Amino acid sequence: GLSSKTPQEVKDVFQILDEDNSGFIEESELKYFL
């Protein structure tokens, strides 16, 4: 359902996925994406 969310909600999800709060999702974080 993420593709039907608002740009702000997508940014909120990004912040949750960006575990080290670097402003980026790196390969090390992407490995554990699911």
All heavy atoms as atom14 arrays in JSON, in Angstrom:
{
  "sequence": "GLSSKTPQEVKDVFQILDEDNSGFIEESELKYFL",
  "atom14_mask": [
    [1, 1, 1, 1, 0, 0, 0, 0, 0, 0, 0, 0, 0, 0],
    [1, 1, 1, 1, 1, 1, 1, 1, 0, 0, 0, 0, 0, 0],
    [1, 1, 1, 1, 1, 1, 0, 0, 0, 0, 0, 0, 0, 0],
    [1, 1, 1, 1, 1, 1, 0, 0, 0, 0, 0, 0, 0, 0],
    [1, 1, 1, 1, 1, 1, 1, 1, 1, 0, 0, 0, 0, 0],
    [1, 1, 1, 1, 1, 1, 1, 0, 0, 0, 0, 0, 0, 0],
    [1, 1, 1, 1, 1, 1, 1, 0, 0, 0, 0, 0, 0, 0],
    [1, 1, 1, 1, 1, 1, 1, 1, 1, 0, 0, 0, 0, 0],
    [1, 1, 1, 1, 1, 1, 1, 1, 1, 0, 0, 0, 0, 0],
    [1, 1, 1, 1, 1, 1, 1, 0, 0, 0, 0, 0, 0, 0],
    [1, 1, 1, 1, 1, 1, 1, 1, 1, 0, 0, 0, 0, 0],
    [1, 1, 1, 1, 1, 1, 1, 1, 0, 0, 0, 0, 0, 0],
    [1, 1, 1, 1, 1, 1, 1, 0, 0, 0, 0, 0, 0, 0],
    [1, 1, 1, 1, 1, 1, 1, 1, 1, 1, 1, 0, 0, 0],
    [1, 1, 1, 1, 1, 1, 1, 1, 1, 0, 0, 0, 0, 0],
    [1, 1, 1, 1, 1, 1, 1, 1, 0, 0, 0, 0, 0, 0],
    [1, 1, 1, 1, 1, 1, 1, 1, 0, 0, 0, 0, 0, 0],
    [1, 1, 1, 1, 1, 1, 1, 1, 0, 0, 0, 0, 0, 0],
    [1, 1, 1, 1, 1, 1, 1, 1, 1, 0, 0, 0, 0, 0],
    [1, 1, 1, 1, 1, 1, 1, 1, 0, 0, 0, 0, 0, 0],
    [1, 1, 1, 1, 1, 1, 1, 1, 0, 0, 0, 0, 0, 0],
    [1, 1, 1, 1, 1, 1, 0, 0, 0, 0, 0, 0, 0, 0],
    [1, 1, 1, 1, 0, 0, 0, 0, 0, 0, 0, 0, 0, 0],
    [1, 1, 1, 1, 1, 1, 1, 1, 1, 1, 1, 0, 0, 0],
    [1, 1, 1, 1, 1, 1, 1, 1, 0, 0, 0, 0, 0, 0],
    [1, 1, 1, 1, 1, 1, 1, 1, 1, 0, 0, 0, 0, 0],
    [1, 1, 1, 1, 1, 1, 1, 1, 1, 0, 0, 0, 0, 0],
    [1, 1, 1, 1, 1, 1, 0, 0, 0, 0, 0, 0, 0, 0],
    [1, 1, 1, 1, 1, 1, 1, 1, 1, 0, 0, 0, 0, 0],
    [1, 1, 1, 1, 1, 1, 1, 1, 0, 0, 0, 0, 0, 0],
    [1, 1, 1, 1, 1, 1, 1, 1, 1, 0, 0, 0, 0, 0],
    [1, 1, 1, 1, 1, 1, 1, 1, 1, 1, 1, 1, 0, 0],
    [1, 1, 1, 1, 1, 1, 1, 1, 1, 1, 1, 0, 0, 0],
    [1, 1, 1, 1, 1, 1, 1, 1, 0, 0, 0, 0, 0, 0]
  ],
  "atom14_positions": [
    [[0.79, -1.22, 0.0], [0.0, 0.0, 0.0], [0.82, 1.28, 0.0], [0.28, 2.38, 0.02], [0.0, 0.0, 0.0], [0.0, 0.0, 0.0], [0.0, 0.0, 0.0], [0.0, 0.0, 0.0], [0.0, 0.0, 0.0], [0.0, 0.0, 0.0], [0.0, 0.0, 0.0], [0.0, 0.0, 0.0], [0.0, 0.0, 0.0], [0.0, 0.0, 0.0]],
    [[2.14, 1.15, -0.03], [2.99, 2.34, 0.06], [2.86, 3.24, -1.17], [2.87, 4.46, -1.05], [4.46, 1.93, 0.26], [5.44, 3.05, 0.57], [5.03, 3.82, 1.82], [6.85, 2.49, 0.74], [0.0, 0.0, 0.0], [0.0, 0.0, 0.0], [0.0, 0.0, 0.0], [0.0, 0.0, 0.0], [0.0, 0.0, 0.0], [0.0, 0.0, 0.0]],
    [[2.67, 2.63, -2.35], [2.61, 3.44, -3.57], [1.36, 4.31, -3.65], [1.27, 5.2, -4.47], [2.75, 2.56, -4.82], [1.83, 1.5, -4.78], [0.0, 0.0, 0.0], [0.0, 0.0, 0.0], [0.0, 0.0, 0.0], [0.0, 0.0, 0.0], [0.0, 0.0, 0.0], [0.0, 0.0, 0.0], [0.0, 0.0, 0.0], [0.0, 0.0, 0.0]],
    [[0.39, 4.09, -2.76], [-0.81, 4.94, -2.75], [-0.82, 5.93, -1.58], [-1.82, 6.58, -1.31], [-2.07, 4.07, -2.71], [-2.07, 3.29, -1.53], [0.0, 0.0, 0.0], [0.0, 0.0, 0.0], [0.0, 0.0, 0.0], [0.0, 0.0, 0.0], [0.0, 0.0, 0.0], [0.0, 0.0, 0.0], [0.0, 0.0, 0.0], [0.0, 0.0, 0.0]],
    [[0.3, 6.06, -0.9], [0.41, 6.98, 0.24], [0.85, 8.36, -0.21], [1.29, 8.56, -1.34], [1.39, 6.43, 1.29], [0.95, 5.13, 1.92], [-0.34, 5.31, 2.69], [-0.87, 4.0, 3.26], [-2.16, 4.18, 3.92], [0.0, 0.0, 0.0], [0.0, 0.0, 0.0], [0.0, 0.0, 0.0], [0.0, 0.0, 0.0], [0.0, 0.0, 0.0]],
    [[0.76, 9.34, 0.69], [1.17, 10.71, 0.37], [2.7, 10.8, 0.38], [3.37, 9.96, 1.0], [0.64, 11.7, 1.42], [1.28, 11.43, 2.67], [-0.87, 11.61, 1.57], [0.0, 0.0, 0.0], [0.0, 0.0, 0.0], [0.0, 0.0, 0.0], [0.0, 0.0, 0.0], [0.0, 0.0, 0.0], [0.0, 0.0, 0.0], [0.0, 0.0, 0.0]],
    [[3.27, 11.8, -0.29], [4.73, 11.99, -0.24], [5.26, 12.06, 1.19], [6.32, 11.5, 1.48], [4.93, 13.31, -0.98], [3.79, 13.36, -1.96], [2.63, 12.74, -1.21], [0.0, 0.0, 0.0], [0.0, 0.0, 0.0], [0.0, 0.0, 0.0], [0.0, 0.0, 0.0], [0.0, 0.0, 0.0], [0.0, 0.0, 0.0], [0.0, 0.0, 0.0]],
    [[4.53, 12.68, 2.11], [4.98, 12.76, 3.5], [5.01, 11.38, 4.16], [5.93, 11.05, 4.88], [4.11, 13.73, 4.32], [4.61, 13.93, 5.75], [6.07, 14.37, 5.83], [6.46, 15.37, 5.23], [6.91, 13.62, 6.55], [0.0, 0.0, 0.0], [0.0, 0.0, 0.0], [0.0, 0.0, 0.0], [0.0, 0.0, 0.0], [0.0, 0.0, 0.0]],
    [[3.98, 10.58, 3.9], [3.95, 9.23, 4.47], [5.1, 8.38, 3.93], [5.7, 7.59, 4.66], [2.6, 8.56, 4.18], [1.46, 9.16, 5.0], [0.09, 8.69, 4.53], [-0.15, 8.62, 3.31], [-0.75, 8.41, 5.4], [0.0, 0.0, 0.0], [0.0, 0.0, 0.0], [0.0, 0.0, 0.0], [0.0, 0.0, 0.0], [0.0, 0.0, 0.0]],
    [[5.41, 8.56, 2.65], [6.53, 7.82, 2.05], [7.84, 8.26, 2.72], [8.7, 7.43, 3.04], [6.59, 8.03, 0.52], [7.85, 7.43, -0.07], [5.35, 7.41, -0.14], [0.0, 0.0, 0.0], [0.0, 0.0, 0.0], [0.0, 0.0, 0.0], [0.0, 0.0, 0.0], [0.0, 0.0, 0.0], [0.0, 0.0, 0.0], [0.0, 0.0, 0.0]],
    [[7.99, 9.56, 2.98], [9.19, 10.04, 3.68], [9.26, 9.47, 5.11], [10.34, 9.14, 5.59], [9.19, 11.57, 3.74], [9.82, 12.2, 2.5], [10.21, 13.63, 2.79], [10.91, 14.4, 1.78], [11.18, 14.3, 0.5], [0.0, 0.0, 0.0], [0.0, 0.0, 0.0], [0.0, 0.0, 0.0], [0.0, 0.0, 0.0], [0.0, 0.0, 0.0]],
    [[8.11, 9.36, 5.77], [8.07, 8.77, 7.12], [8.54, 7.32, 7.08], [9.3, 6.88, 7.95], [6.65, 8.85, 7.7], [6.22, 10.28, 8.01], [7.09, 11.17, 8.09], [5.0, 10.5, 8.17], [0.0, 0.0, 0.0], [0.0, 0.0, 0.0], [0.0, 0.0, 0.0], [0.0, 0.0, 0.0], [0.0, 0.0, 0.0], [0.0, 0.0, 0.0]],
    [[8.1, 6.57, 6.08], [8.54, 5.18, 5.94], [10.05, 5.14, 5.68], [10.77, 4.32, 6.25], [7.77, 4.45, 4.81], [8.41, 3.12, 4.45], [6.32, 4.24, 5.23], [0.0, 0.0, 0.0], [0.0, 0.0, 0.0], [0.0, 0.0, 0.0], [0.0, 0.0, 0.0], [0.0, 0.0, 0.0], [0.0, 0.0, 0.0], [0.0, 0.0, 0.0]],
    [[10.54, 6.05, 4.84], [11.98, 6.13, 4.58], [12.75, 6.3, 5.88], [13.75, 5.62, 6.12], [12.3, 7.28, 3.62], [13.78, 7.46, 3.39], [14.44, 6.73, 2.42], [14.52, 8.34, 4.17], [15.8, 6.87, 2.22], [15.89, 8.49, 3.99], [16.53, 7.75, 3.01], [0.0, 0.0, 0.0], [0.0, 0.0, 0.0], [0.0, 0.0, 0.0]],
    [[12.28, 7.19, 6.74], [12.98, 7.44, 8.0], [13.01, 6.22, 8.89], [13.99, 5.99, 9.6], [12.35, 8.64, 8.72], [12.68, 9.94, 8.01], [11.93, 11.14, 8.54], [10.88, 11.0, 9.18], [12.45, 12.32, 8.29], [0.0, 0.0, 0.0], [0.0, 0.0, 0.0], [0.0, 0.0, 0.0], [0.0, 0.0, 0.0], [0.0, 0.0, 0.0]],
    [[11.95, 5.41, 8.85], [11.93, 4.17, 9.62], [12.95, 3.17, 9.04], [13.66, 2.49, 9.78], [10.5, 3.55, 9.61], [9.54, 4.46, 10.38], [10.51, 2.14, 10.21], [8.07, 4.14, 10.19], [0.0, 0.0, 0.0], [0.0, 0.0, 0.0], [0.0, 0.0, 0.0], [0.0, 0.0, 0.0], [0.0, 0.0, 0.0], [0.0, 0.0, 0.0]],
    [[13.05, 3.11, 7.71], [13.97, 2.17, 7.06], [15.43, 2.6, 7.17], [16.33, 1.76, 7.13], [13.59, 2.01, 5.58], [12.2, 1.43, 5.31], [11.88, 1.48, 3.83], [12.09, 0.02, 5.85], [0.0, 0.0, 0.0], [0.0, 0.0, 0.0], [0.0, 0.0, 0.0], [0.0, 0.0, 0.0], [0.0, 0.0, 0.0], [0.0, 0.0, 0.0]],
    [[15.66, 3.9, 7.33], [17.02, 4.45, 7.47], [17.45, 4.29, 8.93], [17.41, 5.22, 9.72], [17.01, 5.93, 7.05], [18.37, 6.59, 7.24], [19.38, 5.88, 7.32], [18.39, 7.84, 7.32], [0.0, 0.0, 0.0], [0.0, 0.0, 0.0], [0.0, 0.0, 0.0], [0.0, 0.0, 0.0], [0.0, 0.0, 0.0], [0.0, 0.0, 0.0]],
    [[17.89, 3.06, 9.27], [18.17, 2.71, 10.66], [19.21, 3.59, 11.34], [19.11, 3.88, 12.52], [18.62, 1.26, 10.74], [17.48, 0.28, 10.64], [17.93, -1.12, 10.95], [18.38, -1.8, 10.01], [17.83, -1.5, 12.12], [0.0, 0.0, 0.0], [0.0, 0.0, 0.0], [0.0, 0.0, 0.0], [0.0, 0.0, 0.0], [0.0, 0.0, 0.0]],
    [[20.25, 3.99, 10.61], [21.32, 4.78, 11.24], [21.08, 6.29, 11.12], [21.94, 7.09, 11.48], [22.69, 4.39, 10.69], [22.84, 4.67, 9.2], [21.9, 5.23, 8.58], [23.9, 4.32, 8.66], [0.0, 0.0, 0.0], [0.0, 0.0, 0.0], [0.0, 0.0, 0.0], [0.0, 0.0, 0.0], [0.0, 0.0, 0.0], [0.0, 0.0, 0.0]],
    [[19.92, 6.67, 10.6], [19.54, 8.09, 10.45], [20.57, 8.91, 9.68], [20.79, 10.08, 9.97], [19.29, 8.73, 11.83], [18.1, 8.11, 12.52], [17.05, 7.92, 11.92], [18.28, 7.74, 13.77], [0.0, 0.0, 0.0], [0.0, 0.0, 0.0], [0.0, 0.0, 0.0], [0.0, 0.0, 0.0], [0.0, 0.0, 0.0], [0.0, 0.0, 0.0]],
    [[21.17, 8.28, 8.67], [22.19, 8.96, 7.85], [21.56, 9.79, 6.74], [22.23, 10.56, 6.08], [23.13, 7.93, 7.23], [22.41, 7.11, 6.31], [0.0, 0.0, 0.0], [0.0, 0.0, 0.0], [0.0, 0.0, 0.0], [0.0, 0.0, 0.0], [0.0, 0.0, 0.0], [0.0, 0.0, 0.0], [0.0, 0.0, 0.0], [0.0, 0.0, 0.0]],
    [[20.25, 9.61, 6.52], [19.59, 10.28, 5.41], [19.64, 9.44, 4.14], [19.21, 9.88, 3.08], [0.0, 0.0, 0.0], [0.0, 0.0, 0.0], [0.0, 0.0, 0.0], [0.0, 0.0, 0.0], [0.0, 0.0, 0.0], [0.0, 0.0, 0.0], [0.0, 0.0, 0.0], [0.0, 0.0, 0.0], [0.0, 0.0, 0.0], [0.0, 0.0, 0.0]],
    [[20.18, 8.24, 4.26], [20.3, 7.32, 3.12], [20.0, 5.9, 3.56], [20.24, 5.54, 4.71], [21.73, 7.35, 2.54], [22.12, 8.69, 2.0], [22.8, 9.6, 2.78], [21.79, 9.05, 0.7], [23.16, 10.85, 2.3], [22.14, 10.29, 0.19], [22.83, 11.19, 0.99], [0.0, 0.0, 0.0], [0.0, 0.0, 0.0], [0.0, 0.0, 0.0]],
    [[19.51, 5.1, 2.61], [19.41, 3.66, 2.83], [20.6, 3.05, 2.09], [20.67, 3.12, 0.86], [18.08, 3.08, 2.3], [16.9, 3.71, 3.05], [18.07, 1.57, 2.45], [15.54, 3.31, 2.51], [0.0, 0.0, 0.0], [0.0, 0.0, 0.0], [0.0, 0.0, 0.0], [0.0, 0.0, 0.0], [0.0, 0.0, 0.0], [0.0, 0.0, 0.0]],
    [[21.53, 2.53, 2.85], [22.72, 1.92, 2.26], [22.48, 0.43, 2.04], [21.51, -0.12, 2.55], [23.95, 2.11, 3.18], [24.41, 3.53, 3.33], [23.74, 4.3, 4.47], [22.98, 3.69, 5.25], [23.97, 5.51, 4.56], [0.0, 0.0, 0.0], [0.0, 0.0, 0.0], [0.0, 0.0, 0.0], [0.0, 0.0, 0.0], [0.0, 0.0, 0.0]],
    [[23.41, -0.2, 1.32], [23.27, -1.62, 1.01], [23.13, -2.46, 2.27], [22.37, -3.42, 2.32], [24.48, -2.1, 0.18], [24.15, -3.3, -0.67], [25.23, -3.63, -1.68], [25.57, -2.78, -2.52], [25.73, -4.77, -1.62], [0.0, 0.0, 0.0], [0.0, 0.0, 0.0], [0.0, 0.0, 0.0], [0.0, 0.0, 0.0], [0.0, 0.0, 0.0]],
    [[23.86, -2.09, 3.34], [23.8, -2.86, 4.59], [22.38, -2.81, 5.19], [21.93, -3.78, 5.79], [24.82, -2.34, 5.59], [24.6, -0.96, 5.84], [0.0, 0.0, 0.0], [0.0, 0.0, 0.0], [0.0, 0.0, 0.0], [0.0, 0.0, 0.0], [0.0, 0.0, 0.0], [0.0, 0.0, 0.0], [0.0, 0.0, 0.0], [0.0, 0.0, 0.0]],
    [[21.68, -1.69, 5.03], [20.3, -1.58, 5.53], [19.33, -2.26, 4.57], [18.33, -2.86, 4.99], [19.91, -0.11, 5.69], [20.66, 0.57, 6.81], [20.54, 2.09, 6.79], [20.58, 2.7, 5.7], [20.42, 2.67, 7.87], [0.0, 0.0, 0.0], [0.0, 0.0, 0.0], [0.0, 0.0, 0.0], [0.0, 0.0, 0.0], [0.0, 0.0, 0.0]],
    [[19.63, -2.19, 3.28], [18.75, -2.76, 2.27], [18.67, -4.28, 2.38], [17.62, -4.87, 2.16], [19.28, -2.37, 0.88], [18.27, -2.32, -0.25], [17.06, -1.49, 0.13], [18.91, -1.76, -1.5], [0.0, 0.0, 0.0], [0.0, 0.0, 0.0], [0.0, 0.0, 0.0], [0.0, 0.0, 0.0], [0.0, 0.0, 0.0], [0.0, 0.0, 0.0]],
    [[19.77, -4.9, 2.78], [19.79, -6.37, 2.93], [18.66, -6.83, 3.85], [18.03, -7.85, 3.61], [21.15, -6.8, 3.5], [21.27, -8.29, 3.68], [22.66, -8.7, 4.12], [22.76, -10.21, 4.14], [24.1, -10.67, 4.42], [0.0, 0.0, 0.0], [0.0, 0.0, 0.0], [0.0, 0.0, 0.0], [0.0, 0.0, 0.0], [0.0, 0.0, 0.0]],
    [[18.38, -6.05, 4.89], [17.36, -6.41, 5.88], [16.04, -5.69, 5.65], [15.2, -5.6, 6.54], [17.89, -6.14, 7.29], [19.16, -6.9, 7.55], [20.4, -6.27, 7.49], [19.14, -8.27, 7.81], [21.58, -6.97, 7.69], [20.31, -8.99, 8.0], [21.52, -8.34, 7.94], [22.68, -9.04, 8.12], [0.0, 0.0, 0.0], [0.0, 0.0, 0.0]],
    [[15.85, -5.17, 4.43], [14.66, -4.4, 4.07], [13.36, -5.09, 4.47], [12.51, -4.5, 5.14], [14.68, -4.14, 2.54], [13.51, -3.37, 2.02], [13.48, -1.98, 2.13], [12.44, -4.0, 1.4], [12.4, -1.25, 1.64], [11.37, -3.29, 0.92], [11.35, -1.9, 1.03], [0.0, 0.0, 0.0], [0.0, 0.0, 0.0], [0.0, 0.0, 0.0]],
    [[13.2, -6.36, 4.09], [11.95, -7.08, 4.38], [11.77, -7.28, 5.88], [10.64, -7.27, 6.37], [11.91, -8.43, 3.65], [11.9, -8.36, 2.12], [11.98, -9.75, 1.52], [10.66, -7.62, 1.61], [0.0, 0.0, 0.0], [0.0, 0.0, 0.0], [0.0, 0.0, 0.0], [0.0, 0.0, 0.0], [0.0, 0.0, 0.0], [0.0, 0.0, 0.0]]
  ]
}
